[in-house]
Amino acid sequence: MALTYWERVAESRWGRYITAEEERAIVLAGDQVGAPGRALDIGCDGGRWARVLERRGWKVTCTDVDDDAIRLCTEQLPQVQCIRVNPSDTRLPLADASVSLALCIEVIAVVSSEWFAEEAARVLAPGGMLVVTAWNRSSPRGLAACAVSRLRDRKPHPFYGHSYHALRRKLRAAGFEICSEQGLCWFPFSRASDSRLIPVAAKLEKATGLDRLALLSPWVLVTARKGNRT
């Protein structure tokens, strides 16, 4: 099976740790919706999350800005609807209340945008679930990364540009109820790290309660339910 760069990264020890937590959150969110229906995967890459959802009976629509990702996803998951979008788009290419589950996993340009929360609320049916990963500038790791980027590169850090508190405020303003917030990536491994210390670090994260400190966590894995607000 052909893999994209990010799918190969997901096979590292650090990638497997993150992927396992993300998949757990996605599956639990889908179960909370009830019977599988229509799902949206924003920033699908090669389709790894669409594959998880499809195996569980969901009909999936995928979007991405990359032509190669859309081509690969289409080839490998012919039953999935794949839509190529533009980086400048501020509207998701779906009708109002047309999906019951939406994912935006590790897509910083979308999650941190001003339009994302309202658009996610628009396409989700009442009671629908949203799963996102967010980078948190207000975390110790985020603050350190931003300081290094300013000193070394003379520019803002490409990922730690916003606080999780700001995203949570936007989600609530758009009518979402936050169901769960899990902190991730407290230890300073690179995104593609294959260090043998990673399983120990992941266990420490949970044993010490760091995963419960959402507002201070470097990454936050969030599930939220759309309310009945019109």
C-alpha atoms as a PDB file:
ATOM      1  CA  MET A   1       0.000   0.000   0.000  1.00  0.00           C
ATOM      2  CA  ALA A   2       1.372   3.410  -0.971  1.00  0.00           C
ATOM      3  CA  LEU A   3       1.964   5.798   1.924  1.00  0.00           C
ATOM      4  CA  THR A   4       2.240   9.564   2.129  1.00  0.00           C
ATOM      5  CA  TYR A   5       4.978  11.242   4.166  1.00  0.00           C
ATOM      6  CA  TRP A   6       2.684  11.710   7.165  1.00  0.00           C
ATOM      7  CA  GLU A   7       1.481   8.127   7.004  1.00  0.00           C
ATOM      8  CA  ARG A   8       5.120   6.994   7.143  1.00  0.00           C
ATOM      9  CA  VAL A   9       5.718   9.310  10.091  1.00  0.00           C
ATOM     10  CA  ALA A  10       2.746   7.672  11.822  1.00  0.00           C
ATOM     11  CA  GLU A  11       4.704   4.379  11.785  1.00  0.00           C
ATOM     12  CA  SER A  12       7.439   5.763  14.077  1.00  0.00           C
ATOM     13  CA  ARG A  13       7.172   5.103  17.823  1.00  0.00           C
ATOM     14  CA  TRP A  14       6.089   8.700  18.462  1.00  0.00           C
ATOM     15  CA  GLY A  15       3.685   8.494  15.539  1.00  0.00           C
ATOM     16  CA  ARG A  16       2.165   5.240  16.799  1.00  0.00           C
ATOM     17  CA  TYR A  17       1.632   6.753  20.241  1.00  0.00           C
ATOM     18  CA  ILE A  18      -0.182   9.789  18.807  1.00  0.00           C
ATOM     19  CA  THR A  19      -2.124   7.744  16.249  1.00  0.00           C
ATOM     20  CA  ALA A  20      -3.396   5.322  18.894  1.00  0.00           C
ATOM     21  CA  GLU A  21      -4.784   8.165  21.001  1.00  0.00           C
ATOM     22  CA  GLU A  22      -6.352   9.884  17.998  1.00  0.00           C
ATOM     23  CA  GLU A  23      -7.976   6.678  16.762  1.00  0.00           C
ATOM     24  CA  ARG A  24      -9.368   5.949  20.221  1.00  0.00           C
ATOM     25  CA  ALA A  25     -10.962   9.407  20.351  1.00  0.00           C
ATOM     26  CA  ILE A  26     -12.396   9.041  16.830  1.00  0.00           C
ATOM     27  CA  VAL A  27     -13.928   5.639  17.565  1.00  0.00           C
ATOM     28  CA  LEU A  28     -15.434   6.809  20.864  1.00  0.00           C
ATOM     29  CA  ALA A  29     -16.883   9.921  19.229  1.00  0.00           C
ATOM     30  CA  GLY A  30     -18.419   7.821  16.474  1.00  0.00           C
ATOM     31  CA  ASP A  31     -19.931   5.470  19.033  1.00  0.00           C
ATOM     32  CA  GLN A  32     -21.487   8.426  20.851  1.00  0.00           C
ATOM     33  CA  VAL A  33     -23.278   9.475  17.671  1.00  0.00           C
ATOM     34  CA  GLY A  34     -24.962   6.082  17.376  1.00  0.00           C
ATOM     35  CA  ALA A  35     -25.467   4.270  14.093  1.00  0.00           C
ATOM     36  CA  PRO A  36     -22.790   5.178  11.510  1.00  0.00           C
ATOM     37  CA  GLY A  37     -23.931   7.723   8.963  1.00  0.00           C
ATOM     38  CA  ARG A  38     -22.066  10.370   6.970  1.00  0.00           C
ATOM     39  CA  ALA A  39     -18.657  11.554   8.197  1.00  0.00           C
ATOM     40  CA  LEU A  40     -16.282  14.299   7.056  1.00  0.00           C
ATOM     41  CA  ASP A  41     -12.482  13.986   7.204  1.00  0.00           C
ATOM     42  CA  ILE A  42     -10.911  17.437   6.784  1.00  0.00           C
ATOM     43  CA  GLY A  43      -7.319  17.219   5.561  1.00  0.00           C
ATOM     44  CA  CYS A  44      -7.537  13.516   4.733  1.00  0.00           C
ATOM     45  CA  ASP A  45      -3.951  13.028   3.479  1.00  0.00           C
ATOM     46  CA  GLY A  46      -3.813   9.453   2.117  1.00  0.00           C
ATOM     47  CA  GLY A  47      -7.034   8.425   3.835  1.00  0.00           C
ATOM     48  CA  ARG A  48      -5.886   6.666   7.013  1.00  0.00           C
ATOM     49  CA  TRP A  49      -8.777   8.031   9.107  1.00  0.00           C
ATOM     50  CA  ALA A  50     -11.269   7.503   6.303  1.00  0.00           C
ATOM     51  CA  ARG A  51     -10.145   3.877   6.238  1.00  0.00           C
ATOM     52  CA  VAL A  52     -10.842   3.538   9.984  1.00  0.00           C
ATOM     53  CA  LEU A  53     -14.288   5.062   9.589  1.00  0.00           C
ATOM     54  CA  GLU A  54     -15.175   3.074   6.492  1.00  0.00           C
ATOM     55  CA  ARG A  55     -14.352  -0.191   8.272  1.00  0.00           C
ATOM     56  CA  ARG A  56     -16.838   0.825  10.962  1.00  0.00           C
ATOM     57  CA  GLY A  57     -19.628   1.442   8.482  1.00  0.00           C
ATOM     58  CA  TRP A  58     -19.383   5.198   7.902  1.00  0.00           C
ATOM     59  CA  LYS A  59     -19.883   6.835   4.515  1.00  0.00           C
ATOM     60  CA  VAL A  60     -16.983   9.264   4.315  1.00  0.00           C
ATOM     61  CA  THR A  61     -16.324  12.515   2.497  1.00  0.00           C
ATOM     62  CA  CYS A  62     -12.662  13.570   2.454  1.00  0.00           C
ATOM     63  CA  THR A  63     -11.129  16.947   1.679  1.00  0.00           C
ATOM     64  CA  ASP A  64      -7.529  18.007   1.139  1.00  0.00           C
ATOM     65  CA  VAL A  65      -5.573  20.785  -0.568  1.00  0.00           C
ATOM     66  CA  ASP A  66      -2.992  18.374  -2.004  1.00  0.00           C
ATOM     67  CA  ASP A  67      -3.640  16.781  -5.407  1.00  0.00           C
ATOM     68  CA  ASP A  68      -1.452  13.760  -4.666  1.00  0.00           C
ATOM     69  CA  ALA A  69      -3.245  13.090  -1.380  1.00  0.00           C
ATOM     70  CA  ILE A  70      -6.636  13.229  -3.081  1.00  0.00           C
ATOM     71  CA  ARG A  71      -5.417  10.935  -5.869  1.00  0.00           C
ATOM     72  CA  LEU A  72      -3.997   8.406  -3.422  1.00  0.00           C
ATOM     73  CA  CYS A  73      -7.070   8.469  -1.203  1.00  0.00           C
ATOM     74  CA  THR A  74      -9.332   7.977  -4.228  1.00  0.00           C
ATOM     75  CA  GLU A  75      -7.266   5.065  -5.534  1.00  0.00           C
ATOM     76  CA  GLN A  76      -7.078   3.266  -2.223  1.00  0.00           C
ATOM     77  CA  LEU A  77     -10.617   4.009  -1.005  1.00  0.00           C
ATOM     78  CA  PRO A  78     -12.835   4.077  -4.100  1.00  0.00           C
ATOM     79  CA  GLN A  79     -16.058   4.180  -2.049  1.00  0.00           C
ATOM     80  CA  VAL A  80     -14.986   7.410  -0.335  1.00  0.00           C
ATOM     81  CA  GLN A  81     -15.942  10.780  -1.815  1.00  0.00           C
ATOM     82  CA  CYS A  82     -12.747  12.855  -2.161  1.00  0.00           C
ATOM     83  CA  ILE A  83     -12.913  16.607  -2.784  1.00  0.00           C
ATOM     84  CA  ARG A  84      -9.904  18.776  -3.582  1.00  0.00           C
ATOM     85  CA  VAL A  85     -10.218  22.165  -1.866  1.00  0.00           C
ATOM     86  CA  ASN A  86      -8.155  25.358  -2.012  1.00  0.00           C
ATOM     87  CA  PRO A  87      -6.005  26.708   0.841  1.00  0.00           C
ATOM     88  CA  SER A  88      -7.912  30.008   0.601  1.00  0.00           C
ATOM     89  CA  ASP A  89     -11.328  28.378   1.080  1.00  0.00           C
ATOM     90  CA  THR A  90     -13.272  29.484   4.144  1.00  0.00           C
ATOM     91  CA  ARG A  91     -16.250  27.195   3.635  1.00  0.00           C
ATOM     92  CA  LEU A  92     -16.460  23.416   3.825  1.00  0.00           C
ATOM     93  CA  PRO A  93     -17.842  21.864   0.599  1.00  0.00           C
ATOM     94  CA  LEU A  94     -20.882  20.246   2.233  1.00  0.00           C
ATOM     95  CA  ALA A  95     -24.492  21.176   2.908  1.00  0.00           C
ATOM     96  CA  ASP A  96     -25.824  22.326   6.259  1.00  0.00           C
ATOM     97  CA  ALA A  97     -26.350  19.563   8.860  1.00  0.00           C
ATOM     98  CA  SER A  98     -25.199  16.905   6.365  1.00  0.00           C
ATOM     99  CA  VAL A  99     -22.770  14.895   8.549  1.00  0.00           C
ATOM    100  CA  SER A 100     -22.914  13.438  12.029  1.00  0.00           C
ATOM    101  CA  LEU A 101     -19.150  13.116  12.599  1.00  0.00           C
ATOM    102  CA  ALA A 102     -16.361  15.498  11.531  1.00  0.00           C
ATOM    103  CA  LEU A 103     -12.607  15.096  11.957  1.00  0.00           C
ATOM    104  CA  CYS A 104      -9.818  17.637  11.674  1.00  0.00           C
ATOM    105  CA  ILE A 105      -6.758  15.705  12.809  1.00  0.00           C
ATOM    106  CA  GLU A 106      -3.393  17.501  12.761  1.00  0.00           C
ATOM    107  CA  VAL A 107      -4.468  20.119  10.215  1.00  0.00           C
ATOM    108  CA  ILE A 108      -3.124  23.279  11.829  1.00  0.00           C
ATOM    109  CA  ALA A 109      -4.091  25.689   9.028  1.00  0.00           C
ATOM    110  CA  VAL A 110      -7.753  24.741   9.404  1.00  0.00           C
ATOM    111  CA  VAL A 111      -8.028  24.250  13.163  1.00  0.00           C
ATOM    112  CA  SER A 112      -6.418  27.629  13.878  1.00  0.00           C
ATOM    113  CA  SER A 113      -8.465  29.533  11.283  1.00  0.00           C
ATOM    114  CA  GLU A 114     -11.155  32.038  12.213  1.00  0.00           C
ATOM    115  CA  TRP A 115     -13.819  30.249  10.166  1.00  0.00           C
ATOM    116  CA  PHE A 116     -13.346  26.648  11.283  1.00  0.00           C
ATOM    117  CA  ALA A 117     -15.571  26.421  14.384  1.00  0.00           C
ATOM    118  CA  GLU A 118     -18.592  28.010  12.715  1.00  0.00           C
ATOM    119  CA  GLU A 119     -18.186  25.905   9.575  1.00  0.00           C
ATOM    120  CA  ALA A 120     -17.859  22.691  11.569  1.00  0.00           C
ATOM    121  CA  ALA A 121     -21.052  23.615  13.391  1.00  0.00           C
ATOM    122  CA  ARG A 122     -22.808  24.352  10.101  1.00  0.00           C
ATOM    123  CA  VAL A 123     -22.100  21.003   8.433  1.00  0.00           C
ATOM    124  CA  LEU A 124     -22.749  18.904  11.546  1.00  0.00           C
ATOM    125  CA  ALA A 125     -26.282  17.807  12.376  1.00  0.00           C
ATOM    126  CA  PRO A 126     -27.534  18.577  15.908  1.00  0.00           C
ATOM    127  CA  GLY A 127     -25.882  16.134  18.288  1.00  0.00           C
ATOM    128  CA  GLY A 128     -23.059  15.477  15.818  1.00  0.00           C
ATOM    129  CA  MET A 129     -19.506  14.994  17.065  1.00  0.00           C
ATOM    130  CA  LEU A 130     -16.310  16.847  16.188  1.00  0.00           C
ATOM    131  CA  VAL A 131     -12.788  15.499  16.820  1.00  0.00           C
ATOM    132  CA  VAL A 132      -9.767  17.782  16.445  1.00  0.00           C
ATOM    133  CA  THR A 133      -6.132  17.986  17.468  1.00  0.00           C
ATOM    134  CA  ALA A 134      -4.818  21.397  18.471  1.00  0.00           C
ATOM    135  CA  TRP A 135      -1.332  22.757  19.132  1.00  0.00           C
ATOM    136  CA  ASN A 136      -1.178  24.907  22.253  1.00  0.00           C
ATOM    137  CA  ARG A 137       1.067  27.958  22.259  1.00  0.00           C
ATOM    138  CA  SER A 138       0.355  28.451  25.991  1.00  0.00           C
ATOM    139  CA  SER A 139       1.975  25.145  26.931  1.00  0.00           C
ATOM    140  CA  PRO A 140       5.540  25.087  28.294  1.00  0.00           C
ATOM    141  CA  ARG A 141       6.650  23.242  25.167  1.00  0.00           C
ATOM    142  CA  GLY A 142       4.783  25.686  22.942  1.00  0.00           C
ATOM    143  CA  LEU A 143       6.280  28.736  24.651  1.00  0.00           C
ATOM    144  CA  ALA A 144       9.774  27.246  24.381  1.00  0.00           C
ATOM    145  CA  ALA A 145       9.279  26.373  20.701  1.00  0.00           C
ATOM    146  CA  CYS A 146       8.046  29.893  19.945  1.00  0.00           C
ATOM    147  CA  ALA A 147      11.017  31.462  21.737  1.00  0.00           C
ATOM    148  CA  VAL A 148      13.497  29.299  19.808  1.00  0.00           C
ATOM    149  CA  SER A 149      11.759  30.073  16.508  1.00  0.00           C
ATOM    150  CA  ARG A 150      11.920  33.830  17.148  1.00  0.00           C
ATOM    151  CA  LEU A 151      15.597  33.729  18.136  1.00  0.00           C
ATOM    152  CA  ARG A 152      16.834  31.244  15.544  1.00  0.00           C
ATOM    153  CA  ASP A 153      14.524  31.740  12.564  1.00  0.00           C
ATOM    154  CA  ARG A 154      13.292  35.300  13.184  1.00  0.00           C
ATOM    155  CA  LYS A 155       9.686  34.245  12.556  1.00  0.00           C
ATOM    156  CA  PRO A 156       6.715  32.748  14.415  1.00  0.00           C
ATOM    157  CA  HIS A 157       6.646  29.021  15.011  1.00  0.00           C
ATOM    158  CA  PRO A 158       4.696  27.268  12.208  1.00  0.00           C
ATOM    159  CA  PHE A 159       2.552  25.172  14.583  1.00  0.00           C
ATOM    160  CA  TYR A 160       2.411  26.815  17.993  1.00  0.00           C
ATOM    161  CA  GLY A 161       0.707  29.956  16.772  1.00  0.00           C
ATOM    162  CA  HIS A 162      -2.446  29.896  18.901  1.00  0.00           C
ATOM    163  CA  SER A 163      -3.516  28.845  22.360  1.00  0.00           C
ATOM    164  CA  TYR A 164      -5.891  25.994  23.016  1.00  0.00           C
ATOM    165  CA  HIS A 165      -7.911  28.351  25.222  1.00  0.00           C
ATOM    166  CA  ALA A 166      -8.700  30.428  22.121  1.00  0.00           C
ATOM    167  CA  LEU A 167      -9.909  27.379  20.184  1.00  0.00           C
ATOM    168  CA  ARG A 168     -12.059  26.201  23.071  1.00  0.00           C
ATOM    169  CA  ARG A 169     -13.663  29.632  23.258  1.00  0.00           C
ATOM    170  CA  LYS A 170     -14.433  29.548  19.515  1.00  0.00           C
ATOM    171  CA  LEU A 171     -15.938  26.072  19.724  1.00  0.00           C
ATOM    172  CA  ARG A 172     -18.215  27.054  22.580  1.00  0.00           C
ATOM    173  CA  ALA A 173     -19.249  30.251  20.816  1.00  0.00           C
ATOM    174  CA  ALA A 174     -20.195  28.151  17.768  1.00  0.00           C
ATOM    175  CA  GLY A 175     -22.529  26.030  19.889  1.00  0.00           C
ATOM    176  CA  PHE A 176     -20.308  23.080  20.807  1.00  0.00           C
ATOM    177  CA  GLU A 177     -20.211  21.321  24.148  1.00  0.00           C
ATOM    178  CA  ILE A 178     -16.702  20.117  24.971  1.00  0.00           C
ATOM    179  CA  CYS A 179     -16.954  16.407  25.791  1.00  0.00           C
ATOM    180  CA  SER A 180     -13.300  15.518  26.350  1.00  0.00           C
ATOM    181  CA  GLU A 181      -9.888  17.188  26.326  1.00  0.00           C
ATOM    182  CA  GLN A 182      -6.768  15.026  26.388  1.00  0.00           C
ATOM    183  CA  GLY A 183      -3.280  16.435  26.640  1.00  0.00           C
ATOM    184  CA  LEU A 184      -0.565  14.898  24.482  1.00  0.00           C
ATOM    185  CA  CYS A 185       3.103  15.233  23.537  1.00  0.00           C
ATOM    186  CA  TRP A 186       4.480  16.578  26.801  1.00  0.00           C
ATOM    187  CA  PHE A 187       7.903  15.070  26.246  1.00  0.00           C
ATOM    188  CA  PRO A 188      10.284  16.716  23.729  1.00  0.00           C
ATOM    189  CA  PHE A 189      10.469  14.081  21.014  1.00  0.00           C
ATOM    190  CA  SER A 190      10.367  15.152  17.380  1.00  0.00           C
ATOM    191  CA  ARG A 191       7.279  14.305  15.306  1.00  0.00           C
ATOM    192  CA  ALA A 192       9.067  11.435  13.535  1.00  0.00           C
ATOM    193  CA  SER A 193      11.052  10.208  16.545  1.00  0.00           C
ATOM    194  CA  ASP A 194      11.633   6.469  16.951  1.00  0.00           C
ATOM    195  CA  SER A 195      13.201   6.704  20.408  1.00  0.00           C
ATOM    196  CA  ARG A 196      12.878   3.639  22.609  1.00  0.00           C
ATOM    197  CA  LEU A 197      11.971   5.960  25.498  1.00  0.00           C
ATOM    198  CA  ILE A 198       8.631   6.929  23.946  1.00  0.00           C
ATOM    199  CA  PRO A 199       6.515   4.089  25.429  1.00  0.00           C
ATOM    200  CA  VAL A 200       7.820   4.993  28.894  1.00  0.00           C
ATOM    201  CA  ALA A 201       7.111   8.682  28.316  1.00  0.00           C
ATOM    202  CA  ALA A 202       3.561   7.904  27.151  1.00  0.00           C
ATOM    203  CA  LYS A 203       2.907   5.891  30.319  1.00  0.00           C
ATOM    204  CA  LEU A 204       4.330   8.676  32.489  1.00  0.00           C
ATOM    205  CA  GLU A 205       2.039  11.179  30.791  1.00  0.00           C
ATOM    206  CA  LYS A 206      -0.996   9.280  32.050  1.00  0.00           C
ATOM    207  CA  ALA A 207       0.447   8.137  35.399  1.00  0.00           C
ATOM    208  CA  THR A 208       1.285  11.709  36.425  1.00  0.00           C
ATOM    209  CA  GLY A 209      -1.990  13.220  35.175  1.00  0.00           C
ATOM    210  CA  LEU A 210      -0.328  15.415  32.559  1.00  0.00           C
ATOM    211  CA  ASP A 211      -2.883  14.224  30.002  1.00  0.00           C
ATOM    212  CA  ARG A 212      -5.604  15.954  32.051  1.00  0.00           C
ATOM    213  CA  LEU A 213      -3.965  19.398  31.973  1.00  0.00           C
ATOM    214  CA  ALA A 214      -5.491  20.517  28.685  1.00  0.00           C
ATOM    215  CA  LEU A 215      -4.766  24.232  28.979  1.00  0.00           C
ATOM    216  CA  LEU A 216      -1.067  23.507  29.581  1.00  0.00           C
ATOM    217  CA  SER A 217      -0.613  20.556  27.219  1.00  0.00           C
ATOM    218  CA  PRO A 218       1.469  20.940  24.025  1.00  0.00           C
ATOM    219  CA  TRP A 219      -1.176  19.110  21.984  1.00  0.00           C
ATOM    220  CA  VAL A 220      -4.827  18.731  22.900  1.00  0.00           C
ATOM    221  CA  LEU A 221      -7.092  16.040  21.482  1.00  0.00           C
ATOM    222  CA  VAL A 222     -10.625  17.389  21.670  1.00  0.00           C
ATOM    223  CA  THR A 223     -14.054  15.881  21.160  1.00  0.00           C
ATOM    224  CA  ALA A 224     -17.069  18.187  21.096  1.00  0.00           C
ATOM    225  CA  ARG A 225     -20.775  17.741  20.497  1.00  0.00           C
ATOM    226  CA  LYS A 226     -22.876  20.160  18.482  1.00  0.00           C
ATOM    227  CA  GLY A 227     -25.852  21.438  20.420  1.00  0.00           C
ATOM    228  CA  ASN A 228     -29.307  22.327  19.117  1.00  0.00           C
ATOM    229  CA  ARG A 229     -28.562  26.006  18.582  1.00  0.00           C
ATOM    230  CA  THR A 230     -29.747  27.379  15.222  1.00  0.00           C
END
